[in-house]
Amino acid sequence: MSPQFKAGRQVAIVGYAHSVLRRHAERPLGALAVDVAREAIADAGLRPGSVDGFVTAALFPTAGAHAVVDGVSMVSANWLAERLDVTPRYVAGFQGIGQIPGSVALAVNAIASGAADYVLLHRALHNPPGRYHDNSMREARGLQQWTAPQGFFGPLPMIALPANEYLQRYGADREALAAVVVEARKNGARIPWSYWHKRPLTTEEYLAAPMINDPVCRYDCDIPVDGVAAFVLTSAARARDLPNKPVYVAGYASSGTVPRRLPLHWPLDDIMAGGAEVARQLWRHTGVGPGDVDLPQVYDGFSPFVLFWLEALGFCPLGEAHRFVQDGGIDSDAPGGLPVLSGGGALGNGRMHGIPQMLESYLQLAGRAGERQRESATVGLACHSSPHYGGAVVYTTTPW
């Protein structure tokens, strides 16, 4: 195991809490975060004063001109620690690529190094009034002068370009994307905190939805929400004395820098080459491979990401993921189905970044998924963002 992963399986998740996801919450995001943090700490069998580490990635992910205000549109680790009235030994915010895997890495390294004993990791997402990615530019400078005036602005054209590349290169069609979205919504409809609770989607409804940026329609995009999730992590040794079954962090990998392109230009080849490198790092540093993972949770902020991750991680050959999903390969209710969206993902819950993937890994491996509990899940995988611009974490039920 390489030096940066010597902490593998020495740190565990021991508690969690999650707010109900709403388009616009009735209370400020900061107030919601304080409540969720207290619930997660209590769930772990602890008191706020026991928590001496706080980490998050407080990025407010909008391309529009919305104000960034701590406690209102985002919640930093410092802000949350102050409102819980504790004096932590360790406070950090992740600023790089892959916010959720990066936050997990901060928490793991803080605990393994002794910088903190109990770390609260949270993610707070805000849906501001008005259009989420509305372009308020009056002039375009730098590289954006070659893209924004032509309408290439924000994440929708960014994902539409490689999605089109994939469909055309491999002879796929939008029914493959429909299979992804329908599966996500089916599973999200079963989850009480999901924005889509009790609201599954049919293939016919998907295909009838308005096109936004061909081939991306309304339902290919996760819906912006107000919501907060929090997890408590500690050492494997301390976890044995706490009430919940620990789920251990086996390791993680994050993507490196991406090739220099025009703004938001993500060619399919860049995505897959970067994703292949993330996968190589992940399998090498965790000591597991695709065949060992019985609960892979791939990222689905946009439905094409599911196809990209399936191939980058080695669950499908290159160019075959569209056939795999259309043939029922990701049906979490079917015998032998690969449950890549069993937790609903972002499409089935709401725009919580990689939280649905992390949470499903924790709940299933800890035996806390209730009626959704899957039998014999021992190794989970939680992805975030694009394969070349994100990362992944492996979780296990055993410490060694």
Protein backbone atom coordinates (compact mmCIF):
# COMPACT_ATOMS: atom_id res chain seq x y z
CA MET A 1 0.00 0.00 0.00
CA SER A 2 1.44 3.37 -0.98
CA PRO A 3 2.39 5.89 1.74
CA GLN A 4 -0.61 8.19 1.27
CA PHE A 5 -2.92 5.27 2.06
CA LYS A 6 -1.31 3.91 5.20
CA ALA A 7 -4.44 5.14 7.00
CA GLY A 8 -6.60 2.67 5.05
CA ARG A 9 -9.19 0.93 7.27
CA GLN A 10 -7.91 2.63 10.41
CA VAL A 11 -10.77 5.14 10.27
CA ALA A 12 -14.52 4.46 10.28
CA ILE A 13 -17.84 6.22 9.87
CA VAL A 14 -19.82 5.76 13.08
CA GLY A 15 -22.90 7.97 12.68
CA TYR A 16 -24.86 10.13 10.26
CA ALA A 17 -27.84 12.43 9.76
CA HIS A 18 -29.60 13.78 6.67
CA SER A 19 -32.17 16.52 6.22
CA VAL A 20 -35.27 16.27 4.08
CA LEU A 21 -34.46 17.69 0.64
CA ARG A 22 -36.60 20.57 -0.56
CA ARG A 23 -36.43 22.93 -3.49
CA HIS A 24 -36.36 25.84 -1.05
CA ALA A 25 -36.16 25.12 2.67
CA GLU A 26 -38.26 27.15 5.10
CA ARG A 27 -35.21 27.75 7.31
CA PRO A 28 -31.76 29.14 6.48
CA LEU A 29 -29.17 26.62 5.34
CA GLY A 30 -26.99 27.32 8.38
CA ALA A 31 -29.78 26.57 10.84
CA LEU A 32 -30.48 23.34 8.99
CA ALA A 33 -26.79 22.41 9.14
CA VAL A 34 -26.61 22.95 12.91
CA ASP A 35 -29.60 20.65 13.47
CA VAL A 36 -28.25 17.94 11.17
CA ALA A 37 -24.80 18.13 12.79
CA ARG A 38 -26.30 17.68 16.25
CA GLU A 39 -28.35 14.72 15.02
CA ALA A 40 -25.30 13.04 13.48
CA ILE A 41 -23.26 13.51 16.66
CA ALA A 42 -26.07 12.07 18.78
CA ASP A 43 -26.50 9.19 16.32
CA ALA A 44 -22.84 8.31 16.91
CA GLY A 45 -23.46 8.19 20.66
CA LEU A 46 -21.47 11.37 21.30
CA ARG A 47 -21.95 14.91 22.54
CA PRO A 48 -20.92 18.02 20.56
CA GLY A 49 -18.04 18.64 22.95
CA SER A 50 -16.49 15.31 22.00
CA VAL A 51 -16.10 16.38 18.37
CA ASP A 52 -12.70 18.01 17.90
CA GLY A 53 -12.50 18.03 14.11
CA PHE A 54 -14.66 19.61 11.40
CA VAL A 55 -14.24 19.20 7.63
CA THR A 56 -16.30 20.05 4.57
CA ALA A 57 -16.15 21.20 0.98
CA ALA A 58 -18.21 24.37 1.06
CA LEU A 59 -18.24 25.00 -2.70
CA PHE A 60 -21.45 26.70 -3.88
CA PRO A 61 -21.74 25.01 -7.30
CA THR A 62 -23.51 27.55 -9.46
CA ALA A 63 -22.42 29.21 -12.67
CA GLY A 64 -24.80 32.11 -12.02
CA ALA A 65 -24.15 35.40 -10.23
CA HIS A 66 -25.49 34.36 -6.83
CA ALA A 67 -24.01 35.69 -3.61
CA VAL A 68 -21.79 33.38 -1.59
CA VAL A 69 -22.64 33.97 2.09
CA ASP A 70 -21.44 31.65 4.85
CA GLY A 71 -24.41 30.20 6.72
CA VAL A 72 -26.82 31.18 3.94
CA SER A 73 -25.69 29.85 0.56
CA MET A 74 -22.88 27.67 1.91
CA VAL A 75 -21.73 26.44 5.32
CA SER A 76 -18.01 26.28 6.09
CA ALA A 77 -16.45 24.03 8.70
CA ASN A 78 -15.47 27.07 10.78
CA TRP A 79 -19.00 28.48 10.71
CA LEU A 80 -20.52 25.19 11.84
CA ALA A 81 -17.98 24.62 14.63
CA GLU A 82 -18.64 28.10 16.02
CA ARG A 83 -22.43 27.59 16.03
CA LEU A 84 -22.06 24.29 17.85
CA ASP A 85 -20.13 26.20 20.51
CA VAL A 86 -17.11 23.89 20.53
CA THR A 87 -13.39 24.57 20.26
CA PRO A 88 -12.01 22.00 17.80
CA ARG A 89 -8.38 21.01 17.38
CA TYR A 90 -8.76 20.61 13.62
CA VAL A 91 -10.84 22.56 11.09
CA ALA A 92 -10.38 22.25 7.32
CA GLY A 93 -12.16 22.90 4.05
CA PHE A 94 -11.43 21.03 0.84
CA GLN A 95 -11.00 23.22 -2.25
CA GLY A 96 -9.80 20.82 -4.95
CA ILE A 97 -11.32 18.41 -7.45
CA GLY A 98 -13.89 15.98 -6.03
CA GLN A 99 -15.39 17.65 -2.97
CA ILE A 100 -16.72 14.57 -1.16
CA PRO A 101 -13.69 12.26 -1.64
CA GLY A 102 -11.48 15.23 -0.77
CA SER A 103 -13.40 15.85 2.45
CA VAL A 104 -13.19 12.18 3.38
CA ALA A 105 -9.43 12.30 2.82
CA LEU A 106 -9.12 15.30 5.15
CA ALA A 107 -11.09 13.54 7.87
CA VAL A 108 -9.19 10.26 7.53
CA ASN A 109 -5.79 11.91 7.59
CA ALA A 110 -6.71 14.10 10.58
CA ILE A 111 -7.75 11.07 12.62
CA ALA A 112 -4.88 8.84 11.51
CA SER A 113 -2.32 11.54 12.31
CA GLY A 114 -3.81 12.31 15.72
CA ALA A 115 -4.85 15.83 14.77
CA ALA A 116 -8.40 14.97 15.85
CA ASP A 117 -10.20 12.10 17.56
CA TYR A 118 -13.75 12.60 16.26
CA VAL A 119 -14.39 14.43 13.00
CA LEU A 120 -17.69 15.76 11.72
CA LEU A 121 -17.86 15.81 7.92
CA HIS A 122 -20.78 17.72 6.43
CA ARG A 123 -22.03 18.94 3.07
CA ALA A 124 -24.63 21.70 2.75
CA LEU A 125 -26.20 22.50 -0.64
CA HIS A 126 -28.31 25.56 -1.43
CA ASN A 127 -30.78 26.28 -4.21
CA PRO A 128 -30.94 30.07 -4.62
CA PRO A 129 -34.06 31.83 -5.93
CA GLY A 130 -34.10 32.41 -9.67
CA ARG A 131 -32.31 30.50 -12.38
CA TYR A 132 -29.55 28.37 -10.91
CA HIS A 133 -27.08 28.70 -13.79
CA ASP A 134 -28.34 31.90 -15.38
CA ASN A 135 -25.58 33.81 -17.22
CA SER A 136 -25.49 37.41 -16.04
CA MET A 137 -22.39 38.36 -18.07
CA ARG A 138 -22.41 41.69 -19.87
CA GLU A 139 -19.02 41.03 -21.42
CA ALA A 140 -16.86 37.93 -21.80
CA ARG A 141 -13.15 38.16 -21.13
CA GLY A 142 -10.23 35.77 -21.52
CA LEU A 143 -10.98 32.30 -22.82
CA GLN A 144 -14.72 32.76 -22.22
CA GLN A 145 -14.90 35.24 -25.09
CA TRP A 146 -14.69 32.21 -27.39
CA THR A 147 -17.47 30.24 -25.71
CA ALA A 148 -19.96 32.26 -23.63
CA PRO A 149 -21.24 34.56 -26.44
CA GLN A 150 -22.05 31.44 -28.48
CA GLY A 151 -24.12 30.01 -25.62
CA PHE A 152 -21.47 27.56 -24.37
CA PHE A 153 -21.84 28.47 -20.69
CA GLY A 154 -22.60 26.45 -17.60
CA PRO A 155 -22.63 22.69 -17.04
CA LEU A 156 -25.37 21.72 -19.52
CA PRO A 157 -23.39 22.22 -22.74
CA MET A 158 -20.35 20.91 -20.87
CA ILE A 159 -22.00 17.51 -20.44
CA ALA A 160 -23.99 17.57 -23.69
CA LEU A 161 -20.79 17.56 -25.77
CA PRO A 162 -19.28 14.29 -24.41
CA ALA A 163 -22.76 12.75 -24.19
CA ASN A 164 -23.19 13.36 -27.91
CA GLU A 165 -19.72 11.98 -28.54
CA TYR A 166 -20.60 8.80 -26.65
CA LEU A 167 -23.94 8.27 -28.38
CA GLN A 168 -22.49 8.79 -31.84
CA ARG A 169 -19.24 6.89 -31.30
CA TYR A 170 -20.87 3.75 -29.89
CA GLY A 171 -24.22 3.77 -31.70
CA ALA A 172 -26.16 4.43 -28.50
CA ASP A 173 -29.47 6.27 -28.15
CA ARG A 174 -31.37 8.18 -25.49
CA GLU A 175 -33.12 5.03 -24.28
CA ALA A 176 -29.84 4.21 -22.51
CA LEU A 177 -30.01 7.51 -20.63
CA ALA A 178 -33.68 6.82 -19.91
CA ALA A 179 -32.74 3.50 -18.30
CA VAL A 180 -30.32 5.32 -15.98
CA VAL A 181 -32.81 7.99 -14.93
CA VAL A 182 -35.72 5.58 -14.43
CA GLU A 183 -33.57 3.36 -12.20
CA ALA A 184 -32.38 6.32 -10.12
CA ARG A 185 -35.89 7.66 -9.66
CA LYS A 186 -37.26 4.22 -8.79
CA ASN A 187 -34.81 3.92 -5.92
CA GLY A 188 -35.01 7.55 -4.84
CA ALA A 189 -38.79 7.27 -4.60
CA ARG A 190 -38.27 4.77 -1.75
CA ILE A 191 -36.19 7.13 0.39
CA PRO A 192 -38.06 9.41 2.85
CA TRP A 193 -35.63 12.36 2.67
CA SER A 194 -35.49 12.35 -1.15
CA TYR A 195 -37.00 15.24 -3.08
CA TRP A 196 -38.51 12.57 -5.34
CA HIS A 197 -39.95 10.46 -2.50
CA LYS A 198 -42.90 8.44 -3.85
CA ARG A 199 -42.39 9.93 -7.32
CA PRO A 200 -40.82 7.37 -9.66
CA LEU A 201 -40.47 8.09 -13.38
CA THR A 202 -41.42 6.06 -16.45
CA THR A 203 -39.45 5.76 -19.67
CA GLU A 204 -42.33 7.42 -21.50
CA GLU A 205 -42.24 10.41 -19.13
CA TYR A 206 -38.51 10.71 -19.62
CA LEU A 207 -38.69 10.68 -23.41
CA ALA A 208 -41.48 13.28 -23.39
CA ALA A 209 -39.52 15.73 -21.22
CA PRO A 210 -38.32 19.03 -22.74
CA MET A 211 -34.87 18.95 -24.31
CA ILE A 212 -32.47 21.44 -22.71
CA ASN A 213 -29.19 20.86 -24.51
CA ASP A 214 -29.39 17.95 -26.94
CA PRO A 215 -29.18 15.08 -25.92
CA VAL A 216 -29.64 16.29 -22.33
CA CYS A 217 -33.26 16.73 -21.25
CA ARG A 218 -34.72 17.98 -18.00
CA TYR A 219 -34.58 14.62 -16.27
CA ASP A 220 -30.94 13.96 -17.15
CA CYS A 221 -29.96 16.65 -14.61
CA ASP A 222 -30.14 16.38 -10.82
CA ILE A 223 -32.54 18.91 -9.38
CA PRO A 224 -31.11 21.75 -7.22
CA VAL A 225 -32.25 21.52 -3.59
CA ASP A 226 -31.65 22.83 -0.10
CA GLY A 227 -30.22 20.03 2.00
CA VAL A 228 -27.56 18.97 4.50
CA ALA A 229 -25.91 15.67 5.38
CA ALA A 230 -23.34 14.95 8.08
CA PHE A 231 -21.17 12.00 9.09
CA VAL A 232 -19.05 11.32 12.18
CA LEU A 233 -15.71 9.57 11.71
CA THR A 234 -13.24 8.24 14.26
CA SER A 235 -10.50 5.64 14.63
CA ALA A 236 -11.25 1.94 14.29
CA ALA A 237 -10.25 1.47 17.93
CA ARG A 238 -12.67 4.11 19.26
CA ALA A 239 -15.41 2.93 16.93
CA ARG A 240 -15.65 -0.36 18.81
CA ASP A 241 -17.07 1.45 21.85
CA LEU A 242 -19.81 3.30 19.95
CA PRO A 243 -23.37 2.09 19.32
CA ASN A 244 -23.39 1.71 15.53
CA LYS A 245 -21.59 -0.85 13.41
CA PRO A 246 -18.48 0.87 11.97
CA VAL A 247 -17.94 1.24 8.23
CA TYR A 248 -14.25 1.54 7.42
CA VAL A 249 -12.59 3.75 4.83
CA ALA A 250 -10.38 1.41 2.81
CA GLY A 251 -8.92 4.15 0.64
CA TYR A 252 -9.64 6.77 -1.97
CA ALA A 253 -8.40 8.27 -5.20
CA SER A 254 -8.89 11.70 -6.74
CA SER A 255 -8.37 12.82 -10.31
CA GLY A 256 -5.46 15.03 -11.17
CA THR A 257 -5.36 18.12 -13.30
CA VAL A 258 -7.28 17.99 -16.55
CA PRO A 259 -5.90 18.89 -19.99
CA ARG A 260 -6.05 22.61 -20.71
CA ARG A 261 -9.08 23.32 -22.88
CA LEU A 262 -11.54 26.10 -23.55
CA PRO A 263 -13.85 26.73 -20.55
CA LEU A 264 -16.11 23.75 -19.81
CA HIS A 265 -14.76 21.78 -22.77
CA TRP A 266 -14.80 18.15 -21.64
CA PRO A 267 -14.04 15.83 -24.59
CA LEU A 268 -15.02 12.20 -24.06
CA ASP A 269 -11.43 11.02 -24.48
CA ASP A 270 -10.29 13.31 -21.64
CA ILE A 271 -13.03 11.97 -19.38
CA MET A 272 -12.21 8.34 -20.01
CA ALA A 273 -8.43 8.71 -19.86
CA GLY A 274 -8.65 10.59 -16.57
CA GLY A 275 -11.18 8.10 -15.21
CA ALA A 276 -8.96 5.16 -16.09
CA GLU A 277 -6.13 6.71 -14.08
CA VAL A 278 -8.42 7.30 -11.09
CA ALA A 279 -9.47 3.65 -11.26
CA ARG A 280 -5.87 2.45 -11.42
CA GLN A 281 -5.01 4.49 -8.33
CA LEU A 282 -8.12 3.36 -6.48
CA TRP A 283 -7.62 -0.37 -7.03
CA ARG A 284 -3.89 -0.16 -6.31
CA HIS A 285 -4.24 1.83 -3.12
CA THR A 286 -7.22 -0.03 -1.63
CA GLY A 287 -6.21 -3.58 -2.50
CA VAL A 288 -9.59 -4.38 -4.08
CA GLY A 289 -10.82 -4.54 -7.67
CA PRO A 290 -14.12 -4.27 -9.54
CA GLY A 291 -14.96 -7.89 -8.82
CA ASP A 292 -14.68 -7.30 -5.06
CA VAL A 293 -17.18 -4.42 -4.97
CA ASP A 294 -20.73 -5.58 -4.31
CA LEU A 295 -22.15 -2.09 -3.74
CA PRO A 296 -20.77 0.31 -6.38
CA GLN A 297 -22.42 3.73 -6.18
CA VAL A 298 -21.47 5.72 -9.27
CA TYR A 299 -22.01 9.45 -9.59
CA ASP A 300 -25.02 10.65 -11.58
CA GLY A 301 -25.27 14.42 -11.35
CA PHE A 302 -25.93 14.04 -15.08
CA SER A 303 -27.13 10.68 -16.42
CA PRO A 304 -24.23 10.20 -18.92
CA PHE A 305 -21.82 10.12 -15.97
CA VAL A 306 -23.18 6.68 -15.08
CA LEU A 307 -22.06 5.28 -18.44
CA PHE A 308 -18.66 6.93 -18.12
CA TRP A 309 -18.04 5.64 -14.58
CA LEU A 310 -19.17 2.09 -15.38
CA GLU A 311 -16.55 1.89 -18.12
CA ALA A 312 -13.79 3.83 -16.36
CA LEU A 313 -13.99 1.57 -13.29
CA GLY A 314 -13.99 -1.61 -15.34
CA PHE A 315 -17.56 -2.76 -14.71
CA CYS A 316 -18.22 -2.62 -18.46
CA PRO A 317 -15.94 -2.75 -21.51
CA LEU A 318 -15.36 0.53 -23.29
CA GLY A 319 -18.41 1.48 -25.33
CA GLU A 320 -20.64 -1.21 -23.82
CA ALA A 321 -22.24 0.56 -20.84
CA HIS A 322 -25.21 1.78 -22.87
CA ARG A 323 -26.14 -1.79 -23.78
CA PHE A 324 -25.53 -2.93 -20.21
CA VAL A 325 -27.98 -0.44 -18.69
CA GLN A 326 -30.61 -1.03 -21.37
CA ASP A 327 -30.41 -4.78 -20.76
CA GLY A 328 -31.24 -4.27 -17.08
CA GLY A 329 -27.67 -4.55 -15.85
CA ILE A 330 -28.13 -1.84 -13.21
CA ASP A 331 -31.57 -2.98 -12.03
CA SER A 332 -31.02 -3.13 -8.27
CA ASP A 333 -34.13 -5.32 -7.85
CA ALA A 334 -33.02 -7.97 -10.34
CA PRO A 335 -30.93 -10.99 -9.30
CA GLY A 336 -27.37 -10.27 -10.31
CA GLY A 337 -28.08 -6.62 -11.11
CA LEU A 338 -25.25 -4.21 -10.37
CA PRO A 339 -26.78 -1.81 -7.78
CA VAL A 340 -24.98 1.33 -8.94
CA LEU A 341 -27.99 3.54 -8.13
CA SER A 342 -29.56 1.61 -5.25
CA GLY A 343 -29.41 4.75 -3.09
CA GLY A 344 -31.13 6.83 -5.75
CA GLY A 345 -28.05 8.89 -6.47
CA ALA A 346 -28.32 12.57 -7.30
CA LEU A 347 -30.99 12.00 -9.96
CA GLY A 348 -33.17 10.14 -7.47
CA ASN A 349 -32.57 12.39 -4.44
CA GLY A 350 -31.52 15.89 -5.47
CA ARG A 351 -28.31 17.83 -6.03
CA MET A 352 -26.30 16.71 -3.00
CA HIS A 353 -23.11 16.03 -4.96
CA GLY A 354 -21.57 12.71 -3.87
CA ILE A 355 -23.52 12.48 -0.61
CA PRO A 356 -26.13 9.94 -1.85
CA GLN A 357 -23.32 7.61 -2.93
CA MET A 358 -21.44 7.97 0.36
CA LEU A 359 -24.61 7.59 2.42
CA GLU A 360 -25.82 4.48 0.60
CA SER A 361 -22.41 2.87 1.11
CA TYR A 362 -22.57 3.65 4.82
CA LEU A 363 -26.19 2.59 5.38
CA GLN A 364 -25.91 -0.71 3.53
CA LEU A 365 -22.55 -1.73 4.99
CA ALA A 366 -23.65 -0.72 8.50
CA GLY A 367 -26.89 -2.70 8.14
CA ARG A 368 -28.97 0.45 8.62
CA ALA A 369 -30.85 0.67 5.30
CA GLY A 370 -34.12 -0.62 6.74
CA GLU A 371 -36.52 -2.09 4.17
CA ARG A 372 -33.94 -1.36 1.45
CA GLN A 373 -31.22 -3.43 3.16
CA ARG A 374 -29.29 -5.63 0.77
CA GLU A 375 -27.88 -8.96 1.90
CA SER A 376 -24.16 -9.56 2.30
CA ALA A 377 -22.87 -6.15 1.20
CA THR A 378 -19.27 -5.93 2.39
CA VAL A 379 -17.45 -3.57 -0.01
CA GLY A 380 -18.94 -0.28 -1.18
CA LEU A 381 -17.68 2.28 -3.65
CA ALA A 382 -18.82 5.92 -3.71
CA CYS A 383 -17.95 8.14 -6.67
CA HIS A 384 -18.21 11.89 -7.10
CA SER A 385 -18.32 14.18 -10.14
CA SER A 386 -16.92 13.18 -13.54
CA PRO A 387 -14.37 10.34 -13.72
CA HIS A 388 -11.67 12.81 -14.81
CA TYR A 389 -12.73 15.62 -12.47
CA GLY A 390 -13.73 13.92 -9.25
CA GLY A 391 -12.77 10.86 -7.29
CA ALA A 392 -13.96 7.78 -5.42
CA VAL A 393 -13.79 6.19 -1.96
CA VAL A 394 -13.93 2.48 -1.08
CA TYR A 395 -15.68 1.42 2.14
CA THR A 396 -15.62 -1.98 3.85
CA THR A 397 -17.23 -3.81 6.74
CA THR A 398 -13.90 -5.13 8.06
CA PRO A 399 -11.01 -3.14 9.54
CA TRP A 400 -8.16 -5.21 8.08
